[in-house]
Every structure is written in structure tokens, then in C-alpha cells.
């Protein structure tokens, strides 16, 4: 299976390495024109819910966030989208894009790990 990359959406696209560029944030990144982002897909069903984001940013723990996020991803609509993304990963490179400052410790990293299984 092809590795899944996680990058900031504000970083310039890398055409030879990014493959399919998938935005995994529920909200469009501030100050970024859609044309400049180079986003190929925006599957909102696999993004953390607004309630989960607010809970986490209000002081929730990373471990509990992961548990709750994985539970959301098990819901039918999200699970279907996750399966579709797994097929994309199997077909070639996929880059998950997020606006968070530290993508390695974000929901995008959790999602990348699940897609790489």
C-alpha cells in the first residue's frame, strides 16, 4: 500500500509527490484561495465534527480525542468515505491536507494511520 502523506494546506503543492490532494478539515482554510490550494477532494464526512473539535480545543485529551474521532469514522457515511479514500491510497500517492499548525499531532495524522492499515 502506498504511504499517505500529511502536509499543511498552506504549503505549495508538490506535483511529483503529492498525488491526490485531500483536504481533511471541516472548514475551508482562512486566507487561502481555492485555486491556489490545489485540492482534489474535500470529503467532509471524514473530518472531525464541530462538537469534537470544540471539545478538544476546550481542553480535551489527545487520547480521548482519538477514541472519539475513530468512533465518528465508524459511522456509516464516514466509513463509506474512508473505504473510498483507502481505494485512492491503494491506487497511488495521497496527501492529506490540513490547516493546523502541527499536522503530525492532529486528526490528519490519525486519519493517515487508519488509511495506511
PDB file of N, CA and C in Angstrom:
ATOM      1  N   UNK A   1       0.837  -1.180   0.000  1.00  0.00           N
ATOM      2  CA  UNK A   1       0.000   0.000   0.000  1.00  0.00           C
ATOM      3  C   UNK A   1       0.884   1.247   0.000  1.00  0.00           C
ATOM      4  N   UNK A   2       0.477   2.232  -0.735  1.00  0.00           N
ATOM      5  CA  UNK A   2       1.218   3.485  -0.843  1.00  0.00           C
ATOM      6  C   UNK A   2       1.120   4.274   0.462  1.00  0.00           C
ATOM      7  N   UNK A   3       2.187   4.923   0.824  1.00  0.00           N
ATOM      8  CA  UNK A   3       2.182   5.746   2.032  1.00  0.00           C
ATOM      9  C   UNK A   3       1.275   6.959   1.845  1.00  0.00           C
ATOM     10  N   UNK A   4       0.711   7.395   2.941  1.00  0.00           N
ATOM     11  CA  UNK A   4      -0.142   8.574   2.956  1.00  0.00           C
ATOM     12  C   UNK A   4       0.681   9.702   3.565  1.00  0.00           C
ATOM     13  N   UNK A   5       0.741  10.820   2.871  1.00  0.00           N
ATOM     14  CA  UNK A   5       1.455  11.989   3.382  1.00  0.00           C
ATOM     15  C   UNK A   5       0.476  12.912   4.092  1.00  0.00           C
ATOM     16  N   UNK A   6       0.980  13.648   5.063  1.00  0.00           N
ATOM     17  CA  UNK A   6       0.202  14.684   5.741  1.00  0.00           C
ATOM     18  C   UNK A   6       0.992  15.975   5.620  1.00  0.00           C
ATOM     19  N   UNK A   7       0.331  17.006   5.081  1.00  0.00           N
ATOM     20  CA  UNK A   7       1.003  18.299   4.893  1.00  0.00           C
ATOM     21  C   UNK A   7       0.044  19.430   5.241  1.00  0.00           C
ATOM     22  N   UNK A   8       0.606  20.600   5.447  1.00  0.00           N
ATOM     23  CA  UNK A   8      -0.232  21.788   5.647  1.00  0.00           C
ATOM     24  C   UNK A   8      -0.759  22.238   4.295  1.00  0.00           C
ATOM     25  N   UNK A   9      -1.999  22.624   4.264  1.00  0.00           N
ATOM     26  CA  UNK A   9      -2.633  23.063   3.031  1.00  0.00           C
ATOM     27  C   UNK A   9      -1.999  24.356   2.524  1.00  0.00           C
ATOM     28  N   UNK A  10      -1.350  25.109   3.410  1.00  0.00           N
ATOM     29  CA  UNK A  10      -0.707  26.364   3.020  1.00  0.00           C
ATOM     30  C   UNK A  10       0.634  26.138   2.312  1.00  0.00           C
ATOM     31  N   UNK A  11       1.192  24.930   2.424  1.00  0.00           N
ATOM     32  CA  UNK A  11       2.433  24.622   1.724  1.00  0.00           C
ATOM     33  C   UNK A  11       2.139  24.477   0.238  1.00  0.00           C
ATOM     34  N   UNK A  12       3.055  24.907  -0.623  1.00  0.00           N
ATOM     35  CA  UNK A  12       2.792  24.788  -2.066  1.00  0.00           C
ATOM     36  C   UNK A  12       2.703  23.324  -2.499  1.00  0.00           C
ATOM     37  N   UNK A  13       1.833  23.037  -3.462  1.00  0.00           N
ATOM     38  CA  UNK A  13       1.719  21.658  -3.964  1.00  0.00           C
ATOM     39  C   UNK A  13       3.053  21.148  -4.505  1.00  0.00           C
ATOM     40  N   UNK A  14       3.276  19.851  -4.351  1.00  0.00           N
ATOM     41  CA  UNK A  14       4.443  19.179  -4.918  1.00  0.00           C
ATOM     42  C   UNK A  14       3.924  18.185  -5.948  1.00  0.00           C
ATOM     43  N   UNK A  15       3.775  18.628  -7.210  1.00  0.00           N
ATOM     44  CA  UNK A  15       3.125  17.800  -8.229  1.00  0.00           C
ATOM     45  C   UNK A  15       3.680  16.387  -8.387  1.00  0.00           C
ATOM     46  N   UNK A  16       4.960  16.183  -8.250  1.00  0.00           N
ATOM     47  CA  UNK A  16       5.517  14.852  -8.426  1.00  0.00           C
ATOM     48  C   UNK A  16       5.334  13.937  -7.238  1.00  0.00           C
ATOM     49  N   UNK A  17       4.995  14.489  -6.071  1.00  0.00           N
ATOM     50  CA  UNK A  17       4.954  13.686  -4.852  1.00  0.00           C
ATOM     51  C   UNK A  17       3.583  13.631  -4.182  1.00  0.00           C
ATOM     52  N   UNK A  18       2.773  14.647  -4.351  1.00  0.00           N
ATOM     53  CA  UNK A  18       1.510  14.730  -3.617  1.00  0.00           C
ATOM     54  C   UNK A  18       0.460  13.717  -4.055  1.00  0.00           C
ATOM     55  N   UNK A  19       0.393  13.409  -5.319  1.00  0.00           N
ATOM     56  CA  UNK A  19      -0.683  12.545  -5.799  1.00  0.00           C
ATOM     57  C   UNK A  19      -2.015  13.254  -5.642  1.00  0.00           C
ATOM     58  N   UNK A  20      -3.012  12.536  -5.144  1.00  0.00           N
ATOM     59  CA  UNK A  20      -4.329  13.133  -4.912  1.00  0.00           C
ATOM     60  C   UNK A  20      -4.259  13.933  -3.615  1.00  0.00           C
ATOM     61  N   UNK A  21      -4.630  15.201  -3.709  1.00  0.00           N
ATOM     62  CA  UNK A  21      -4.587  16.102  -2.550  1.00  0.00           C
ATOM     63  C   UNK A  21      -5.978  16.191  -1.935  1.00  0.00           C
ATOM     64  N   UNK A  22      -6.068  15.768  -0.656  1.00  0.00           N
ATOM     65  CA  UNK A  22      -7.359  15.646   0.018  1.00  0.00           C
ATOM     66  C   UNK A  22      -7.378  16.559   1.248  1.00  0.00           C
ATOM     67  N   UNK A  23      -8.266  17.545   1.234  1.00  0.00           N
ATOM     68  CA  UNK A  23      -8.434  18.422   2.391  1.00  0.00           C
ATOM     69  C   UNK A  23      -9.250  17.680   3.440  1.00  0.00           C
ATOM     70  N   UNK A  24      -8.723  17.593   4.671  1.00  0.00           N
ATOM     71  CA  UNK A  24      -9.399  16.843   5.722  1.00  0.00           C
ATOM     72  C   UNK A  24      -9.820  17.735   6.893  1.00  0.00           C
ATOM     73  N   UNK A  25     -10.057  19.007   6.614  1.00  0.00           N
ATOM     74  CA  UNK A  25     -10.602  19.942   7.595  1.00  0.00           C
ATOM     75  C   UNK A  25     -12.061  20.202   7.253  1.00  0.00           C
ATOM     76  N   UNK A  26     -12.887  20.379   8.260  1.00  0.00           N
ATOM     77  CA  UNK A  26     -14.315  20.634   8.032  1.00  0.00           C
ATOM     78  C   UNK A  26     -14.536  22.010   7.426  1.00  0.00           C
ATOM     79  N   UNK A  27     -13.717  22.983   7.821  1.00  0.00           N
ATOM     80  CA  UNK A  27     -13.860  24.355   7.327  1.00  0.00           C
ATOM     81  C   UNK A  27     -12.762  24.661   6.317  1.00  0.00           C
ATOM     82  N   UNK A  28     -13.090  25.507   5.336  1.00  0.00           N
ATOM     83  CA  UNK A  28     -12.076  25.914   4.360  1.00  0.00           C
ATOM     84  C   UNK A  28     -11.026  26.754   5.080  1.00  0.00           C
ATOM     85  N   UNK A  29      -9.739  26.549   4.793  1.00  0.00           N
ATOM     86  CA  UNK A  29      -8.660  27.292   5.461  1.00  0.00           C
ATOM     87  C   UNK A  29      -8.745  28.795   5.197  1.00  0.00           C
ATOM     88  N   UNK A  30      -8.567  29.558   6.247  1.00  0.00           N
ATOM     89  CA  UNK A  30      -8.632  31.020   6.150  1.00  0.00           C
ATOM     90  C   UNK A  30      -7.538  31.561   5.238  1.00  0.00           C
ATOM     91  N   UNK A  31      -7.922  32.539   4.436  1.00  0.00           N
ATOM     92  CA  UNK A  31      -6.966  33.269   3.621  1.00  0.00           C
ATOM     93  C   UNK A  31      -6.391  32.500   2.448  1.00  0.00           C
ATOM     94  N   UNK A  32      -6.969  31.362   2.111  1.00  0.00           N
ATOM     95  CA  UNK A  32      -6.436  30.541   1.022  1.00  0.00           C
ATOM     96  C   UNK A  32      -7.452  30.472  -0.114  1.00  0.00           C
ATOM     97  N   UNK A  33      -7.035  30.934  -1.282  1.00  0.00           N
ATOM     98  CA  UNK A  33      -7.912  30.867  -2.454  1.00  0.00           C
ATOM     99  C   UNK A  33      -8.028  29.421  -2.913  1.00  0.00           C
ATOM    100  N   UNK A  34      -9.231  29.017  -3.293  1.00  0.00           N
ATOM    101  CA  UNK A  34      -9.436  27.634  -3.731  1.00  0.00           C
ATOM    102  C   UNK A  34      -8.539  27.277  -4.905  1.00  0.00           C
ATOM    103  N   UNK A  35      -8.306  28.208  -5.804  1.00  0.00           N
ATOM    104  CA  UNK A  35      -7.461  27.941  -6.966  1.00  0.00           C
ATOM    105  C   UNK A  35      -6.009  27.679  -6.557  1.00  0.00           C
ATOM    106  N   UNK A  36      -5.545  28.349  -5.517  1.00  0.00           N
ATOM    107  CA  UNK A  36      -4.155  28.203  -5.077  1.00  0.00           C
ATOM    108  C   UNK A  36      -3.937  26.946  -4.235  1.00  0.00           C
ATOM    109  N   UNK A  37      -4.992  26.412  -3.672  1.00  0.00           N
ATOM    110  CA  UNK A  37      -4.855  25.285  -2.742  1.00  0.00           C
ATOM    111  C   UNK A  37      -4.507  23.973  -3.435  1.00  0.00           C
ATOM    112  N   UNK A  38      -4.952  23.805  -4.663  1.00  0.00           N
ATOM    113  CA  UNK A  38      -4.678  22.559  -5.369  1.00  0.00           C
ATOM    114  C   UNK A  38      -5.337  21.360  -4.710  1.00  0.00           C
ATOM    115  N   UNK A  39      -6.533  21.538  -4.175  1.00  0.00           N
ATOM    116  CA  UNK A  39      -7.256  20.457  -3.506  1.00  0.00           C
ATOM    117  C   UNK A  39      -8.055  19.678  -4.546  1.00  0.00           C
ATOM    118  N   UNK A  40      -7.867  18.363  -4.550  1.00  0.00           N
ATOM    119  CA  UNK A  40      -8.601  17.499  -5.480  1.00  0.00           C
ATOM    120  C   UNK A  40      -9.899  16.975  -4.860  1.00  0.00           C
ATOM    121  N   UNK A  41      -9.890  16.747  -3.549  1.00  0.00           N
ATOM    122  CA  UNK A  41     -11.039  16.172  -2.861  1.00  0.00           C
ATOM    123  C   UNK A  41     -11.211  16.869  -1.518  1.00  0.00           C
ATOM    124  N   UNK A  42     -12.485  16.944  -1.074  1.00  0.00           N
ATOM    125  CA  UNK A  42     -12.787  17.523   0.235  1.00  0.00           C
ATOM    126  C   UNK A  42     -13.900  16.706   0.875  1.00  0.00           C
ATOM    127  N   UNK A  43     -13.593  15.511   1.368  1.00  0.00           N
ATOM    128  CA  UNK A  43     -14.610  14.632   1.947  1.00  0.00           C
ATOM    129  C   UNK A  43     -14.928  15.005   3.397  1.00  0.00           C
ATOM    130  N   UNK A  44     -15.908  15.862   3.578  1.00  0.00           N
ATOM    131  CA  UNK A  44     -16.227  16.365   4.917  1.00  0.00           C
ATOM    132  C   UNK A  44     -16.684  15.273   5.877  1.00  0.00           C
ATOM    133  N   UNK A  45     -17.146  14.149   5.351  1.00  0.00           N
ATOM    134  CA  UNK A  45     -17.619  13.059   6.220  1.00  0.00           C
ATOM    135  C   UNK A  45     -16.501  12.469   7.069  1.00  0.00           C
ATOM    136  N   UNK A  46     -15.238  12.623   6.671  1.00  0.00           N
ATOM    137  CA  UNK A  46     -14.133  12.057   7.458  1.00  0.00           C
ATOM    138  C   UNK A  46     -13.425  13.105   8.317  1.00  0.00           C
ATOM    139  N   UNK A  47     -13.987  14.302   8.368  1.00  0.00           N
ATOM    140  CA  UNK A  47     -13.398  15.342   9.207  1.00  0.00           C
ATOM    141  C   UNK A  47     -14.036  15.278  10.594  1.00  0.00           C
ATOM    142  N   UNK A  48     -13.320  15.687  11.627  1.00  0.00           N
ATOM    143  CA  UNK A  48     -13.922  15.677  12.963  1.00  0.00           C
ATOM    144  C   UNK A  48     -15.137  16.607  13.009  1.00  0.00           C
ATOM    145  N   UNK A  49     -16.157  16.200  13.744  1.00  0.00           N
ATOM    146  CA  UNK A  49     -17.357  17.025  13.878  1.00  0.00           C
ATOM    147  C   UNK A  49     -17.021  18.338  14.586  1.00  0.00           C
ATOM    148  N   UNK A  50     -17.887  19.304  14.409  1.00  0.00           N
ATOM    149  CA  UNK A  50     -17.710  20.599  15.082  1.00  0.00           C
ATOM    150  C   UNK A  50     -17.697  20.397  16.601  1.00  0.00           C
ATOM    151  N   UNK A  51     -18.570  19.522  17.089  1.00  0.00           N
ATOM    152  CA  UNK A  51     -18.634  19.265  18.531  1.00  0.00           C
ATOM    153  C   UNK A  51     -17.327  18.675  19.050  1.00  0.00           C
ATOM    154  N   UNK A  52     -16.752  17.739  18.296  1.00  0.00           N
ATOM    155  CA  UNK A  52     -15.499  17.115  18.721  1.00  0.00           C
ATOM    156  C   UNK A  52     -14.351  18.125  18.692  1.00  0.00           C
ATOM    157  N   UNK A  53     -14.309  18.936  17.650  1.00  0.00           N
ATOM    158  CA  UNK A  53     -13.258  19.968  17.571  1.00  0.00           C
ATOM    159  C   UNK A  53     -13.350  20.925  18.763  1.00  0.00           C
ATOM    160  N   UNK A  54     -14.570  21.387  19.052  1.00  0.00           N
ATOM    161  CA  UNK A  54     -14.753  22.342  20.163  1.00  0.00           C
ATOM    162  C   UNK A  54     -14.370  21.694  21.489  1.00  0.00           C
ATOM    163  N   UNK A  55     -14.761  20.421  21.680  1.00  0.00           N
ATOM    164  CA  UNK A  55     -14.411  19.723  22.905  1.00  0.00           C
ATOM    165  C   UNK A  55     -12.891  19.636  23.054  1.00  0.00           C
ATOM    166  N   UNK A  56     -12.208  19.246  21.982  1.00  0.00           N
ATOM    167  CA  UNK A  56     -10.752  19.071  22.041  1.00  0.00           C
ATOM    168  C   UNK A  56     -10.054  20.403  22.307  1.00  0.00           C
ATOM    169  N   UNK A  57     -10.472  21.454  21.603  1.00  0.00           N
ATOM    170  CA  UNK A  57      -9.825  22.762  21.790  1.00  0.00           C
ATOM    171  C   UNK A  57     -10.195  23.395  23.129  1.00  0.00           C
ATOM    172  N   UNK A  58     -11.203  22.854  23.780  1.00  0.00           N
ATOM    173  CA  UNK A  58     -11.570  23.321  25.107  1.00  0.00           C
ATOM    174  C   UNK A  58     -10.794  22.622  26.211  1.00  0.00           C
ATOM    175  N   UNK A  59      -9.850  21.771  25.841  1.00  0.00           N
ATOM    176  CA  UNK A  59      -9.000  21.131  26.839  1.00  0.00           C
ATOM    177  C   UNK A  59      -9.087  19.615  26.870  1.00  0.00           C
ATOM    178  N   UNK A  60      -9.726  19.010  25.862  1.00  0.00           N
ATOM    179  CA  UNK A  60      -9.826  17.554  25.806  1.00  0.00           C
ATOM    180  C   UNK A  60      -8.470  16.905  25.586  1.00  0.00           C
ATOM    181  N   UNK A  61      -8.343  15.671  26.036  1.00  0.00           N
ATOM    182  CA  UNK A  61      -7.061  14.959  25.907  1.00  0.00           C
ATOM    183  C   UNK A  61      -6.911  14.359  24.511  1.00  0.00           C
ATOM    184  N   UNK A  62      -5.676  14.202  24.083  1.00  0.00           N
ATOM    185  CA  UNK A  62      -5.385  13.649  22.756  1.00  0.00           C
ATOM    186  C   UNK A  62      -5.868  12.204  22.641  1.00  0.00           C
ATOM    187  N   UNK A  63      -5.676  11.423  23.665  1.00  0.00           N
ATOM    188  CA  UNK A  63      -6.107  10.026  23.630  1.00  0.00           C
ATOM    189  C   UNK A  63      -7.613   9.888  23.505  1.00  0.00           C
ATOM    190  N   UNK A  64      -8.342  10.684  24.270  1.00  0.00           N
ATOM    191  CA  UNK A  64      -9.804  10.651  24.205  1.00  0.00           C
ATOM    192  C   UNK A  64     -10.285  11.217  22.873  1.00  0.00           C
ATOM    193  N   UNK A  65      -9.587  12.250  22.361  1.00  0.00           N
ATOM    194  CA  UNK A  65      -9.941  12.784  21.042  1.00  0.00           C
ATOM    195  C   UNK A  65      -9.845  11.676  19.993  1.00  0.00           C
ATOM    196  N   UNK A  66      -8.742  10.945  20.032  1.00  0.00           N
ATOM    197  CA  UNK A  66      -8.542   9.865  19.057  1.00  0.00           C
ATOM    198  C   UNK A  66      -9.670   8.828  19.149  1.00  0.00           C
ATOM    199  N   UNK A  67     -10.015   8.428  20.369  1.00  0.00           N
ATOM    200  CA  UNK A  67     -11.079   7.444  20.562  1.00  0.00           C
ATOM    201  C   UNK A  67     -12.405   7.959  19.982  1.00  0.00           C
ATOM    202  N   UNK A  68     -12.735   9.209  20.285  1.00  0.00           N
ATOM    203  CA  UNK A  68     -13.995   9.783  19.799  1.00  0.00           C
ATOM    204  C   UNK A  68     -13.973   9.971  18.281  1.00  0.00           C
ATOM    205  N   UNK A  69     -12.825  10.374  17.749  1.00  0.00           N
ATOM    206  CA  UNK A  69     -12.708  10.576  16.299  1.00  0.00           C
ATOM    207  C   UNK A  69     -12.847   9.241  15.565  1.00  0.00           C
ATOM    208  N   UNK A  70     -12.201   8.202  16.068  1.00  0.00           N
ATOM    209  CA  UNK A  70     -12.328   6.883  15.444  1.00  0.00           C
ATOM    210  C   UNK A  70     -13.772   6.387  15.509  1.00  0.00           C
ATOM    211  N   UNK A  71     -14.485   6.726  16.596  1.00  0.00           N
ATOM    212  CA  UNK A  71     -15.903   6.355  16.699  1.00  0.00           C
ATOM    213  C   UNK A  71     -16.717   7.093  15.631  1.00  0.00           C
ATOM    214  N   UNK A  72     -16.398   8.367  15.403  1.00  0.00           N
ATOM    215  CA  UNK A  72     -17.090   9.116  14.347  1.00  0.00           C
ATOM    216  C   UNK A  72     -16.797   8.504  12.976  1.00  0.00           C
ATOM    217  N   UNK A  73     -15.565   8.068  12.769  1.00  0.00           N
ATOM    218  CA  UNK A  73     -15.190   7.479  11.482  1.00  0.00           C
ATOM    219  C   UNK A  73     -15.846   6.117  11.250  1.00  0.00           C
ATOM    220  N   UNK A  74     -16.353   5.506  12.314  1.00  0.00           N
ATOM    221  CA  UNK A  74     -17.044   4.224  12.177  1.00  0.00           C
ATOM    222  C   UNK A  74     -18.513   4.395  11.783  1.00  0.00           C
ATOM    223  N   UNK A  75     -19.021   5.620  11.864  1.00  0.00           N
ATOM    224  CA  UNK A  75     -20.406   5.885  11.454  1.00  0.00           C
ATOM    225  C   UNK A  75     -20.539   5.608   9.954  1.00  0.00           C
ATOM    226  N   UNK A  76     -21.725   5.184   9.487  1.00  0.00           N
ATOM    227  CA  UNK A  76     -21.886   4.723   8.097  1.00  0.00           C
ATOM    228  C   UNK A  76     -21.366   5.664   7.004  1.00  0.00           C
ATOM    229  N   UNK A  77     -21.729   6.943   7.051  1.00  0.00           N
ATOM    230  CA  UNK A  77     -21.287   7.859   5.989  1.00  0.00           C
ATOM    231  C   UNK A  77     -19.767   8.015   5.993  1.00  0.00           C
ATOM    232  N   UNK A  78     -19.190   8.172   7.179  1.00  0.00           N
ATOM    233  CA  UNK A  78     -17.738   8.322   7.293  1.00  0.00           C
ATOM    234  C   UNK A  78     -17.029   7.033   6.892  1.00  0.00           C
ATOM    235  N   UNK A  79     -17.562   5.888   7.306  1.00  0.00           N
ATOM    236  CA  UNK A  79     -16.940   4.601   6.975  1.00  0.00           C
ATOM    237  C   UNK A  79     -16.927   4.378   5.461  1.00  0.00           C
ATOM    238  N   UNK A  80     -17.992   4.777   4.806  1.00  0.00           N
ATOM    239  CA  UNK A  80     -18.059   4.649   3.349  1.00  0.00           C
ATOM    240  C   UNK A  80     -17.008   5.537   2.671  1.00  0.00           C
ATOM    241  N   UNK A  81     -16.875   6.752   3.166  1.00  0.00           N
ATOM    242  CA  UNK A  81     -15.884   7.674   2.611  1.00  0.00           C
ATOM    243  C   UNK A  81     -14.470   7.190   2.924  1.00  0.00           C
ATOM    244  N   UNK A  82     -14.262   6.629   4.087  1.00  0.00           N
ATOM    245  CA  UNK A  82     -12.961   6.084   4.471  1.00  0.00           C
ATOM    246  C   UNK A  82     -12.576   4.941   3.531  1.00  0.00           C
ATOM    247  N   UNK A  83     -13.513   4.094   3.193  1.00  0.00           N
ATOM    248  CA  UNK A  83     -13.255   2.994   2.258  1.00  0.00           C
ATOM    249  C   UNK A  83     -12.876   3.536   0.881  1.00  0.00           C
ATOM    250  N   UNK A  84     -13.558   4.597   0.455  1.00  0.00           N
ATOM    251  CA  UNK A  84     -13.240   5.207  -0.839  1.00  0.00           C
ATOM    252  C   UNK A  84     -11.827   5.795  -0.821  1.00  0.00           C
ATOM    253  N   UNK A  85     -11.460   6.439   0.287  1.00  0.00           N
ATOM    254  CA  UNK A  85     -10.113   7.001   0.406  1.00  0.00           C
ATOM    255  C   UNK A  85      -9.057   5.895   0.437  1.00  0.00           C
ATOM    256  N   UNK A  86      -9.371   4.776   1.083  1.00  0.00           N
ATOM    257  CA  UNK A  86      -8.433   3.639   1.085  1.00  0.00           C
ATOM    258  C   UNK A  86      -8.172   3.151  -0.334  1.00  0.00           C
ATOM    259  N   UNK A  87      -9.199   3.152  -1.163  1.00  0.00           N
ATOM    260  CA  UNK A  87      -9.039   2.749  -2.561  1.00  0.00           C
ATOM    261  C   UNK A  87      -8.141   3.739  -3.294  1.00  0.00           C
ATOM    262  N   UNK A  88      -8.267   5.024  -2.995  1.00  0.00           N
ATOM    263  CA  UNK A  88      -7.390   6.032  -3.600  1.00  0.00           C
ATOM    264  C   UNK A  88      -5.938   5.786  -3.188  1.00  0.00           C
ATOM    265  N   UNK A  89      -5.746   5.489  -1.904  1.00  0.00           N
ATOM    266  CA  UNK A  89      -4.397   5.236  -1.385  1.00  0.00           C
ATOM    267  C   UNK A  89      -3.798   4.013  -2.071  1.00  0.00           C
ATOM    268  N   UNK A  90      -4.601   2.982  -2.269  1.00  0.00           N
ATOM    269  CA  UNK A  90      -4.117   1.766  -2.921  1.00  0.00           C
ATOM    270  C   UNK A  90      -3.726   2.026  -4.369  1.00  0.00           C
ATOM    271  N   UNK A  91      -4.348   3.028  -4.993  1.00  0.00           N
ATOM    272  CA  UNK A  91      -4.090   3.324  -6.404  1.00  0.00           C
ATOM    273  C   UNK A  91      -2.889   4.238  -6.618  1.00  0.00           C
ATOM    274  N   UNK A  92      -2.442   4.924  -5.598  1.00  0.00           N
ATOM    275  CA  UNK A  92      -1.316   5.840  -5.790  1.00  0.00           C
ATOM    276  C   UNK A  92      -1.168   6.775  -4.614  1.00  0.00           C
ATOM    277  N   UNK A  93      -0.249   7.710  -4.706  1.00  0.00           N
ATOM    278  CA  UNK A  93       0.005   8.595  -3.565  1.00  0.00           C
ATOM    279  C   UNK A  93      -1.207   9.468  -3.230  1.00  0.00           C
ATOM    280  N   UNK A  94      -1.380   9.685  -1.928  1.00  0.00           N
ATOM    281  CA  UNK A  94      -2.429  10.564  -1.422  1.00  0.00           C
ATOM    282  C   UNK A  94      -1.793  11.465  -0.371  1.00  0.00           C
ATOM    283  N   UNK A  95      -2.115  12.751  -0.437  1.00  0.00           N
ATOM    284  CA  UNK A  95      -1.645  13.698   0.560  1.00  0.00           C
ATOM    285  C   UNK A  95      -2.847  14.285   1.274  1.00  0.00           C
ATOM    286  N   UNK A  96      -2.883  14.105   2.593  1.00  0.00           N
ATOM    287  CA  UNK A  96      -3.936  14.691   3.405  1.00  0.00           C
ATOM    288  C   UNK A  96      -3.507  16.101   3.785  1.00  0.00           C
ATOM    289  N   UNK A  97      -4.378  17.050   3.561  1.00  0.00           N
ATOM    290  CA  UNK A  97      -4.061  18.455   3.802  1.00  0.00           C
ATOM    291  C   UNK A  97      -4.872  18.999   4.966  1.00  0.00           C
ATOM    292  N   UNK A  98      -4.209  19.761   5.812  1.00  0.00           N
ATOM    293  CA  UNK A  98      -4.872  20.377   6.950  1.00  0.00           C
ATOM    294  C   UNK A  98      -4.279  21.757   7.208  1.00  0.00           C
ATOM    295  N   UNK A  99      -5.067  22.619   7.834  1.00  0.00           N
ATOM    296  CA  UNK A  99      -4.594  23.964   8.154  1.00  0.00           C
ATOM    297  C   UNK A  99      -3.936  24.035   9.530  1.00  0.00           C
ATOM    298  N   UNK A 100      -4.014  22.966  10.320  1.00  0.00           N
ATOM    299  CA  UNK A 100      -3.449  23.012  11.671  1.00  0.00           C
ATOM    300  C   UNK A 100      -1.947  23.255  11.620  1.00  0.00           C
ATOM    301  N   UNK A 101      -1.425  23.879  12.676  1.00  0.00           N
ATOM    302  CA  UNK A 101      -0.005  24.236  12.700  1.00  0.00           C
ATOM    303  C   UNK A 101       0.912  23.029  12.862  1.00  0.00           C
ATOM    304  N   UNK A 102       0.437  21.990  13.531  1.00  0.00           N
ATOM    305  CA  UNK A 102       1.251  20.793  13.750  1.00  0.00           C
ATOM    306  C   UNK A 102       0.507  19.571  13.213  1.00  0.00           C
ATOM    307  N   UNK A 103       0.583  19.334  11.904  1.00  0.00           N
ATOM    308  CA  UNK A 103      -0.161  18.225  11.308  1.00  0.00           C
ATOM    309  C   UNK A 103       0.178  16.856  11.899  1.00  0.00           C
ATOM    310  N   UNK A 104       1.402  16.683  12.375  1.00  0.00           N
ATOM    311  CA  UNK A 104       1.822  15.378  12.904  1.00  0.00           C
ATOM    312  C   UNK A 104       1.069  14.998  14.173  1.00  0.00           C
ATOM    313  N   UNK A 105       0.533  15.974  14.905  1.00  0.00           N
ATOM    314  CA  UNK A 105      -0.245  15.638  16.100  1.00  0.00           C
ATOM    315  C   UNK A 105      -1.693  16.090  15.961  1.00  0.00           C
ATOM    316  N   UNK A 106      -2.224  15.930  14.788  1.00  0.00           N
ATOM    317  CA  UNK A 106      -3.599  16.353  14.518  1.00  0.00           C
ATOM    318  C   UNK A 106      -4.462  15.179  14.079  1.00  0.00           C
ATOM    319  N   UNK A 107      -5.713  15.471  13.828  1.00  0.00           N
ATOM    320  CA  UNK A 107      -6.636  14.462  13.312  1.00  0.00           C
ATOM    321  C   UNK A 107      -6.152  13.896  11.984  1.00  0.00           C
ATOM    322  N   UNK A 108      -5.425  14.704  11.203  1.00  0.00           N
ATOM    323  CA  UNK A 108      -4.916  14.240   9.903  1.00  0.00           C
ATOM    324  C   UNK A 108      -3.944  13.085  10.085  1.00  0.00           C
ATOM    325  N   UNK A 109      -3.135  13.124  11.130  1.00  0.00           N
ATOM    326  CA  UNK A 109      -2.199  12.030  11.397  1.00  0.00           C
ATOM    327  C   UNK A 109      -2.949  10.755  11.797  1.00  0.00           C
ATOM    328  N   UNK A 110      -4.024  10.903  12.578  1.00  0.00           N
ATOM    329  CA  UNK A 110      -4.855   9.752  12.948  1.00  0.00           C
ATOM    330  C   UNK A 110      -5.465   9.151  11.684  1.00  0.00           C
ATOM    331  N   UNK A 111      -6.007  10.010  10.836  1.00  0.00           N
ATOM    332  CA  UNK A 111      -6.619   9.559   9.594  1.00  0.00           C
ATOM    333  C   UNK A 111      -5.597   8.876   8.688  1.00  0.00           C
ATOM    334  N   UNK A 112      -4.410   9.453   8.578  1.00  0.00           N
ATOM    335  CA  UNK A 112      -3.353   8.863   7.749  1.00  0.00           C
ATOM    336  C   UNK A 112      -3.005   7.455   8.238  1.00  0.00           C
ATOM    337  N   UNK A 113      -2.924   7.305   9.559  1.00  0.00           N
ATOM    338  CA  UNK A 113      -2.615   5.990  10.130  1.00  0.00           C
ATOM    339  C   UNK A 113      -3.715   4.985   9.794  1.00  0.00           C
ATOM    340  N   UNK A 114      -4.957   5.393   9.919  1.00  0.00           N
ATOM    341  CA  UNK A 114      -6.073   4.493   9.597  1.00  0.00           C
ATOM    342  C   UNK A 114      -6.084   4.120   8.113  1.00  0.00           C
ATOM    343  N   UNK A 115      -5.754   5.065   7.257  1.00  0.00           N
ATOM    344  CA  UNK A 115      -5.736   4.797   5.816  1.00  0.00           C
ATOM    345  C   UNK A 115      -4.557   3.907   5.416  1.00  0.00           C
ATOM    346  N   UNK A 116      -3.519   3.898   6.211  1.00  0.00           N
ATOM    347  CA  UNK A 116      -2.328   3.110   5.878  1.00  0.00           C
ATOM    348  C   UNK A 116      -2.420   1.667   6.363  1.00  0.00           C
ATOM    349  N   UNK A 117      -3.434   1.346   7.140  1.00  0.00           N
ATOM    350  CA  UNK A 117      -3.594  -0.024   7.674  1.00  0.00           C
ATOM    351  C   UNK A 117      -4.009  -0.977   6.594  1.00  0.00           C
TER     352      UNK A 117
END
